């Protein structure tokens, strides 16, 4: 019953800071591989969802990324 909606509601948008997402925890050079040592699931939830960690690990950086940057699809070579 009901309608499936994966978009965040207005009430959820304020709570994004309490969710986890993927962030770089070390400086990463262009072409460097993402590993468990340089990517972590931490708060706030402004990056990729933690469920994508297995898809990210082993991929390479599309450009240089500084420590503390939330990961996005634009930063990953696929």
PDB file of N, CA and C in Angstrom:
ATOM      1  N   UNK A   1       0.828  -1.177   0.000  1.00  0.00           N
ATOM      2  CA  UNK A   1       0.000   0.000   0.000  1.00  0.00           C
ATOM      3  C   UNK A   1       0.876   1.246   0.000  1.00  0.00           C
ATOM      4  N   UNK A   2       0.380   2.290  -0.557  1.00  0.00           N
ATOM      5  CA  UNK A   2       1.127   3.537  -0.570  1.00  0.00           C
ATOM      6  C   UNK A   2       2.007   3.671  -1.799  1.00  0.00           C
ATOM      7  N   UNK A   3       2.778   4.751  -1.802  1.00  0.00           N
ATOM      8  CA  UNK A   3       3.650   5.064  -2.927  1.00  0.00           C
ATOM      9  C   UNK A   3       5.098   5.024  -2.457  1.00  0.00           C
ATOM     10  N   UNK A   4       5.954   4.352  -3.219  1.00  0.00           N
ATOM     11  CA  UNK A   4       7.369   4.292  -2.878  1.00  0.00           C
ATOM     12  C   UNK A   4       8.027   5.594  -3.306  1.00  0.00           C
ATOM     13  N   UNK A   5       8.769   6.211  -2.379  1.00  0.00           N
ATOM     14  CA  UNK A   5       9.449   7.462  -2.666  1.00  0.00           C
ATOM     15  C   UNK A   5      10.817   7.431  -2.001  1.00  0.00           C
ATOM     16  N   UNK A   6      11.888   7.546  -2.798  1.00  0.00           N
ATOM     17  CA  UNK A   6      13.244   7.494  -2.256  1.00  0.00           C
ATOM     18  C   UNK A   6      13.850   8.880  -2.044  1.00  0.00           C
ATOM     19  N   UNK A   7      13.127   9.906  -2.373  1.00  0.00           N
ATOM     20  CA  UNK A   7      13.590  11.271  -2.147  1.00  0.00           C
ATOM     21  C   UNK A   7      13.461  11.611  -0.669  1.00  0.00           C
ATOM     22  N   UNK A   8      14.347  12.479  -0.196  1.00  0.00           N
ATOM     23  CA  UNK A   8      14.262  12.904   1.201  1.00  0.00           C
ATOM     24  C   UNK A   8      13.117  13.891   1.378  1.00  0.00           C
ATOM     25  N   UNK A   9      12.348  13.695   2.432  1.00  0.00           N
ATOM     26  CA  UNK A   9      11.271  14.629   2.733  1.00  0.00           C
ATOM     27  C   UNK A   9      11.865  15.859   3.403  1.00  0.00           C
ATOM     28  N   UNK A  10      11.065  16.890   3.552  1.00  0.00           N
ATOM     29  CA  UNK A  10      11.534  18.115   4.202  1.00  0.00           C
ATOM     30  C   UNK A  10      12.004  17.836   5.624  1.00  0.00           C
ATOM     31  N   UNK A  11      11.318  16.956   6.321  1.00  0.00           N
ATOM     32  CA  UNK A  11      11.699  16.628   7.697  1.00  0.00           C
ATOM     33  C   UNK A  11      13.034  15.880   7.731  1.00  0.00           C
ATOM     34  N   UNK A  12      13.308  15.048   6.729  1.00  0.00           N
ATOM     35  CA  UNK A  12      14.552  14.279   6.692  1.00  0.00           C
ATOM     36  C   UNK A  12      15.761  15.127   6.299  1.00  0.00           C
ATOM     37  N   UNK A  13      15.551  16.178   5.537  1.00  0.00           N
ATOM     38  CA  UNK A  13      16.665  17.011   5.082  1.00  0.00           C
ATOM     39  C   UNK A  13      17.421  17.637   6.247  1.00  0.00           C
ATOM     40  N   UNK A  14      16.741  17.967   7.314  1.00  0.00           N
ATOM     41  CA  UNK A  14      17.413  18.524   8.492  1.00  0.00           C
ATOM     42  C   UNK A  14      18.193  17.464   9.248  1.00  0.00           C
ATOM     43  N   UNK A  15      17.847  16.201   9.080  1.00  0.00           N
ATOM     44  CA  UNK A  15      18.496  15.118   9.809  1.00  0.00           C
ATOM     45  C   UNK A  15      19.683  14.508   9.068  1.00  0.00           C
ATOM     46  N   UNK A  16      20.036  15.028   7.900  1.00  0.00           N
ATOM     47  CA  UNK A  16      21.138  14.467   7.123  1.00  0.00           C
ATOM     48  C   UNK A  16      22.456  14.549   7.898  1.00  0.00           C
ATOM     49  N   UNK A  17      22.597  15.518   8.762  1.00  0.00           N
ATOM     50  CA  UNK A  17      23.831  15.648   9.541  1.00  0.00           C
ATOM     51  C   UNK A  17      24.028  14.491  10.515  1.00  0.00           C
ATOM     52  N   UNK A  18      22.958  13.753  10.828  1.00  0.00           N
ATOM     53  CA  UNK A  18      23.058  12.623  11.745  1.00  0.00           C
ATOM     54  C   UNK A  18      23.316  11.290  11.029  1.00  0.00           C
ATOM     55  N   UNK A  19      23.212  11.277   9.710  1.00  0.00           N
ATOM     56  CA  UNK A  19      23.448  10.062   8.939  1.00  0.00           C
ATOM     57  C   UNK A  19      24.927   9.926   8.624  1.00  0.00           C
ATOM     58  N   UNK A  20      25.327   8.738   8.203  1.00  0.00           N
ATOM     59  CA  UNK A  20      26.710   8.488   7.812  1.00  0.00           C
ATOM     60  C   UNK A  20      26.835   8.526   6.288  1.00  0.00           C
ATOM     61  N   UNK A  21      28.037   8.847   5.833  1.00  0.00           N
ATOM     62  CA  UNK A  21      28.351   8.766   4.412  1.00  0.00           C
ATOM     63  C   UNK A  21      29.846   8.548   4.258  1.00  0.00           C
ATOM     64  N   UNK A  22      30.290   8.344   3.026  1.00  0.00           N
ATOM     65  CA  UNK A  22      31.692   8.040   2.759  1.00  0.00           C
ATOM     66  C   UNK A  22      32.502   9.326   2.615  1.00  0.00           C
ATOM     67  N   UNK A  23      33.601   9.391   3.372  1.00  0.00           N
ATOM     68  CA  UNK A  23      34.512  10.542   3.359  1.00  0.00           C
ATOM     69  C   UNK A  23      35.940  10.052   3.188  1.00  0.00           C
ATOM     70  N   UNK A  24      36.788  10.901   2.622  1.00  0.00           N
ATOM     71  CA  UNK A  24      38.213  10.598   2.582  1.00  0.00           C
ATOM     72  C   UNK A  24      38.817  10.985   3.924  1.00  0.00           C
ATOM     73  N   UNK A  25      39.692  10.154   4.456  1.00  0.00           N
ATOM     74  CA  UNK A  25      40.333  10.443   5.740  1.00  0.00           C
ATOM     75  C   UNK A  25      41.833  10.674   5.563  1.00  0.00           C
ATOM     76  N   UNK A  26      42.285  10.659   4.314  1.00  0.00           N
ATOM     77  CA  UNK A  26      43.666  10.990   3.953  1.00  0.00           C
ATOM     78  C   UNK A  26      43.622  11.742   2.634  1.00  0.00           C
ATOM     79  N   UNK A  27      44.667  12.533   2.347  1.00  0.00           N
ATOM     80  CA  UNK A  27      44.773  13.153   1.032  1.00  0.00           C
ATOM     81  C   UNK A  27      44.972  12.051  -0.004  1.00  0.00           C
ATOM     82  N   UNK A  28      44.274  12.154  -1.126  1.00  0.00           N
ATOM     83  CA  UNK A  28      44.347  11.142  -2.181  1.00  0.00           C
ATOM     84  C   UNK A  28      44.762  11.838  -3.469  1.00  0.00           C
ATOM     85  N   UNK A  29      45.787  11.301  -4.128  1.00  0.00           N
ATOM     86  CA  UNK A  29      46.263  11.861  -5.384  1.00  0.00           C
ATOM     87  C   UNK A  29      45.438  11.326  -6.542  1.00  0.00           C
ATOM     88  N   UNK A  30      45.449  12.061  -7.646  1.00  0.00           N
ATOM     89  CA  UNK A  30      44.749  11.606  -8.848  1.00  0.00           C
ATOM     90  C   UNK A  30      45.292  10.244  -9.274  1.00  0.00           C
ATOM     91  N   UNK A  31      44.405   9.297  -9.520  1.00  0.00           N
ATOM     92  CA  UNK A  31      44.794   7.959  -9.939  1.00  0.00           C
ATOM     93  C   UNK A  31      45.073   6.996  -8.801  1.00  0.00           C
ATOM     94  N   UNK A  32      45.113   7.502  -7.570  1.00  0.00           N
ATOM     95  CA  UNK A  32      45.360   6.633  -6.414  1.00  0.00           C
ATOM     96  C   UNK A  32      44.114   5.811  -6.106  1.00  0.00           C
ATOM     97  N   UNK A  33      44.314   4.589  -5.621  1.00  0.00           N
ATOM     98  CA  UNK A  33      43.212   3.674  -5.347  1.00  0.00           C
ATOM     99  C   UNK A  33      42.555   3.978  -3.999  1.00  0.00           C
ATOM    100  N   UNK A  34      41.233   3.820  -3.946  1.00  0.00           N
ATOM    101  CA  UNK A  34      40.498   3.953  -2.695  1.00  0.00           C
ATOM    102  C   UNK A  34      40.646   2.660  -1.897  1.00  0.00           C
ATOM    103  N   UNK A  35      40.984   2.782  -0.609  1.00  0.00           N
ATOM    104  CA  UNK A  35      41.193   1.628   0.265  1.00  0.00           C
ATOM    105  C   UNK A  35      40.475   1.857   1.598  1.00  0.00           C
ATOM    106  N   UNK A  36      40.498   0.833   2.452  1.00  0.00           N
ATOM    107  CA  UNK A  36      39.931   0.984   3.793  1.00  0.00           C
ATOM    108  C   UNK A  36      40.703   2.003   4.618  1.00  0.00           C
ATOM    109  N   UNK A  37      41.959   2.260   4.260  1.00  0.00           N
ATOM    110  CA  UNK A  37      42.767   3.206   5.016  1.00  0.00           C
ATOM    111  C   UNK A  37      42.456   4.660   4.666  1.00  0.00           C
ATOM    112  N   UNK A  38      41.963   4.931   3.456  1.00  0.00           N
ATOM    113  CA  UNK A  38      41.733   6.325   3.088  1.00  0.00           C
ATOM    114  C   UNK A  38      40.261   6.701   2.889  1.00  0.00           C
ATOM    115  N   UNK A  39      39.351   5.755   3.082  1.00  0.00           N
ATOM    116  CA  UNK A  39      37.906   6.040   2.985  1.00  0.00           C
ATOM    117  C   UNK A  39      37.210   5.452   4.198  1.00  0.00           C
ATOM    118  N   UNK A  40      36.334   6.243   4.829  1.00  0.00           N
ATOM    119  CA  UNK A  40      35.583   5.770   6.002  1.00  0.00           C
ATOM    120  C   UNK A  40      34.130   6.243   5.920  1.00  0.00           C
ATOM    121  N   UNK A  41      33.287   5.547   6.634  1.00  0.00           N
ATOM    122  CA  UNK A  41      31.890   5.923   6.777  1.00  0.00           C
ATOM    123  C   UNK A  41      31.752   6.720   8.072  1.00  0.00           C
ATOM    124  N   UNK A  42      31.535   8.022   7.935  1.00  0.00           N
ATOM    125  CA  UNK A  42      31.439   8.905   9.098  1.00  0.00           C
ATOM    126  C   UNK A  42      30.293   9.899   8.903  1.00  0.00           C
ATOM    127  N   UNK A  43      30.009  10.653   9.927  1.00  0.00           N
ATOM    128  CA  UNK A  43      28.979  11.694   9.859  1.00  0.00           C
ATOM    129  C   UNK A  43      29.614  13.011   9.469  1.00  0.00           C
ATOM    130  N   UNK A  44      28.916  13.913   8.828  1.00  0.00           N
ATOM    131  CA  UNK A  44      27.516  13.956   8.409  1.00  0.00           C
ATOM    132  C   UNK A  44      27.294  13.249   7.075  1.00  0.00           C
ATOM    133  N   UNK A  45      26.046  13.138   6.677  1.00  0.00           N
ATOM    134  CA  UNK A  45      25.668  12.357   5.509  1.00  0.00           C
ATOM    135  C   UNK A  45      25.635  13.129   4.210  1.00  0.00           C
ATOM    136  N   UNK A  46      26.690  13.887   3.900  1.00  0.00           N
ATOM    137  CA  UNK A  46      26.701  14.698   2.682  1.00  0.00           C
ATOM    138  C   UNK A  46      27.357  14.006   1.492  1.00  0.00           C
ATOM    139  N   UNK A  47      27.909  12.807   1.678  1.00  0.00           N
ATOM    140  CA  UNK A  47      28.569  12.086   0.589  1.00  0.00           C
ATOM    141  C   UNK A  47      27.763  10.879   0.157  1.00  0.00           C
ATOM    142  N   UNK A  48      28.444   9.956  -0.527  1.00  0.00           N
ATOM    143  CA  UNK A  48      27.802   8.705  -0.943  1.00  0.00           C
ATOM    144  C   UNK A  48      27.380   7.891   0.275  1.00  0.00           C
ATOM    145  N   UNK A  49      26.302   7.164   0.150  1.00  0.00           N
ATOM    146  CA  UNK A  49      25.817   6.316   1.237  1.00  0.00           C
ATOM    147  C   UNK A  49      26.806   5.192   1.518  1.00  0.00           C
ATOM    148  N   UNK A  50      26.922   4.751   2.769  1.00  0.00           N
ATOM    149  CA  UNK A  50      27.857   3.684   3.135  1.00  0.00           C
ATOM    150  C   UNK A  50      27.643   2.376   2.376  1.00  0.00           C
ATOM    151  N   UNK A  51      26.462   2.130   1.845  1.00  0.00           N
ATOM    152  CA  UNK A  51      26.208   0.889   1.119  1.00  0.00           C
ATOM    153  C   UNK A  51      27.041   0.787  -0.154  1.00  0.00           C
ATOM    154  N   UNK A  52      27.643   1.894  -0.608  1.00  0.00           N
ATOM    155  CA  UNK A  52      28.457   1.889  -1.814  1.00  0.00           C
ATOM    156  C   UNK A  52      29.938   1.658  -1.540  1.00  0.00           C
ATOM    157  N   UNK A  53      30.321   1.347  -0.302  1.00  0.00           N
ATOM    158  CA  UNK A  53      31.731   1.172   0.046  1.00  0.00           C
ATOM    159  C   UNK A  53      32.384   0.082  -0.793  1.00  0.00           C
ATOM    160  N   UNK A  54      31.714  -1.031  -1.025  1.00  0.00           N
ATOM    161  CA  UNK A  54      32.328  -2.110  -1.806  1.00  0.00           C
ATOM    162  C   UNK A  54      32.510  -1.714  -3.271  1.00  0.00           C
ATOM    163  N   UNK A  55      31.645  -0.863  -3.788  1.00  0.00           N
ATOM    164  CA  UNK A  55      31.782  -0.381  -5.163  1.00  0.00           C
ATOM    165  C   UNK A  55      32.916   0.639  -5.284  1.00  0.00           C
ATOM    166  N   UNK A  56      33.192   1.368  -4.225  1.00  0.00           N
ATOM    167  CA  UNK A  56      34.221   2.411  -4.237  1.00  0.00           C
ATOM    168  C   UNK A  56      35.616   1.822  -4.037  1.00  0.00           C
ATOM    169  N   UNK A  57      35.742   0.878  -3.118  1.00  0.00           N
ATOM    170  CA  UNK A  57      37.054   0.299  -2.829  1.00  0.00           C
ATOM    171  C   UNK A  57      37.612  -0.382  -4.075  1.00  0.00           C
ATOM    172  N   UNK A  58      38.869  -0.103  -4.373  1.00  0.00           N
ATOM    173  CA  UNK A  58      39.501  -0.658  -5.557  1.00  0.00           C
ATOM    174  C   UNK A  58      39.418   0.251  -6.768  1.00  0.00           C
ATOM    175  N   UNK A  59      38.526   1.248  -6.738  1.00  0.00           N
ATOM    176  CA  UNK A  59      38.438   2.232  -7.816  1.00  0.00           C
ATOM    177  C   UNK A  59      39.524   3.286  -7.609  1.00  0.00           C
ATOM    178  N   UNK A  60      39.748   4.148  -8.604  1.00  0.00           N
ATOM    179  CA  UNK A  60      40.764   5.187  -8.493  1.00  0.00           C
ATOM    180  C   UNK A  60      40.135   6.572  -8.486  1.00  0.00           C
ATOM    181  N   UNK A  61      40.882   7.526  -7.956  1.00  0.00           N
ATOM    182  CA  UNK A  61      40.414   8.907  -7.853  1.00  0.00           C
ATOM    183  C   UNK A  61      40.503   9.596  -9.212  1.00  0.00           C
ATOM    184  N   UNK A  62      39.462  10.303  -9.597  1.00  0.00           N
ATOM    185  CA  UNK A  62      39.423  11.027 -10.859  1.00  0.00           C
ATOM    186  C   UNK A  62      40.279  12.284 -10.808  1.00  0.00           C
ATOM    187  N   UNK A  63      40.515  12.805  -9.602  1.00  0.00           N
ATOM    188  CA  UNK A  63      41.359  13.986  -9.403  1.00  0.00           C
ATOM    189  C   UNK A  63      41.865  13.962  -7.973  1.00  0.00           C
ATOM    190  N   UNK A  64      42.745  14.877  -7.643  1.00  0.00           N
ATOM    191  CA  UNK A  64      43.249  14.957  -6.281  1.00  0.00           C
ATOM    192  C   UNK A  64      42.128  15.324  -5.315  1.00  0.00           C
ATOM    193  N   UNK A  65      42.105  14.645  -4.177  1.00  0.00           N
ATOM    194  CA  UNK A  65      41.046  14.858  -3.189  1.00  0.00           C
ATOM    195  C   UNK A  65      41.703  15.135  -1.848  1.00  0.00           C
ATOM    196  N   UNK A  66      41.286  16.213  -1.200  1.00  0.00           N
ATOM    197  CA  UNK A  66      41.867  16.530   0.102  1.00  0.00           C
ATOM    198  C   UNK A  66      41.146  15.780   1.215  1.00  0.00           C
ATOM    199  N   UNK A  67      41.858  15.612   2.314  1.00  0.00           N
ATOM    200  CA  UNK A  67      41.342  14.919   3.497  1.00  0.00           C
ATOM    201  C   UNK A  67      40.048  15.592   3.965  1.00  0.00           C
ATOM    202  N   UNK A  68      39.043  14.781   4.322  1.00  0.00           N
ATOM    203  CA  UNK A  68      37.786  15.309   4.843  1.00  0.00           C
ATOM    204  C   UNK A  68      36.754  15.659   3.794  1.00  0.00           C
ATOM    205  N   UNK A  69      36.964  15.238   2.558  1.00  0.00           N
ATOM    206  CA  UNK A  69      36.027  15.524   1.478  1.00  0.00           C
ATOM    207  C   UNK A  69      34.993  14.411   1.374  1.00  0.00           C
ATOM    208  N   UNK A  70      33.696  14.757   1.305  1.00  0.00           N
ATOM    209  CA  UNK A  70      32.691  13.710   1.091  1.00  0.00           C
ATOM    210  C   UNK A  70      32.824  13.151  -0.324  1.00  0.00           C
ATOM    211  N   UNK A  71      32.757  11.836  -0.450  1.00  0.00           N
ATOM    212  CA  UNK A  71      32.888  11.214  -1.773  1.00  0.00           C
ATOM    213  C   UNK A  71      31.612  11.399  -2.591  1.00  0.00           C
ATOM    214  N   UNK A  72      31.815  11.611  -3.869  1.00  0.00           N
ATOM    215  CA  UNK A  72      30.695  11.682  -4.819  1.00  0.00           C
ATOM    216  C   UNK A  72      31.101  10.918  -6.065  1.00  0.00           C
ATOM    217  N   UNK A  73      30.168  10.624  -6.938  1.00  0.00           N
ATOM    218  CA  UNK A  73      30.451   9.869  -8.152  1.00  0.00           C
ATOM    219  C   UNK A  73      31.432  10.606  -9.064  1.00  0.00           C
ATOM    220  N   UNK A  74      31.452  11.929  -9.019  1.00  0.00           N
ATOM    221  CA  UNK A  74      32.345  12.712  -9.861  1.00  0.00           C
ATOM    222  C   UNK A  74      33.811  12.552  -9.468  1.00  0.00           C
ATOM    223  N   UNK A  75      34.084  12.095  -8.262  1.00  0.00           N
ATOM    224  CA  UNK A  75      35.447  11.938  -7.774  1.00  0.00           C
ATOM    225  C   UNK A  75      36.023  10.546  -8.032  1.00  0.00           C
ATOM    226  N   UNK A  76      35.210   9.645  -8.604  1.00  0.00           N
ATOM    227  CA  UNK A  76      35.600   8.244  -8.764  1.00  0.00           C
ATOM    228  C   UNK A  76      35.687   7.887 -10.243  1.00  0.00           C
ATOM    229  N   UNK A  77      36.826   7.310 -10.665  1.00  0.00           N
ATOM    230  CA  UNK A  77      36.948   6.750 -12.013  1.00  0.00           C
ATOM    231  C   UNK A  77      36.291   5.388 -12.023  1.00  0.00           C
ATOM    232  N   UNK A  78      35.394   5.163 -12.931  1.00  0.00           N
ATOM    233  CA  UNK A  78      34.736   3.856 -13.037  1.00  0.00           C
ATOM    234  C   UNK A  78      34.945   3.281 -14.392  1.00  0.00           C
TER     235      UNK A  78
END
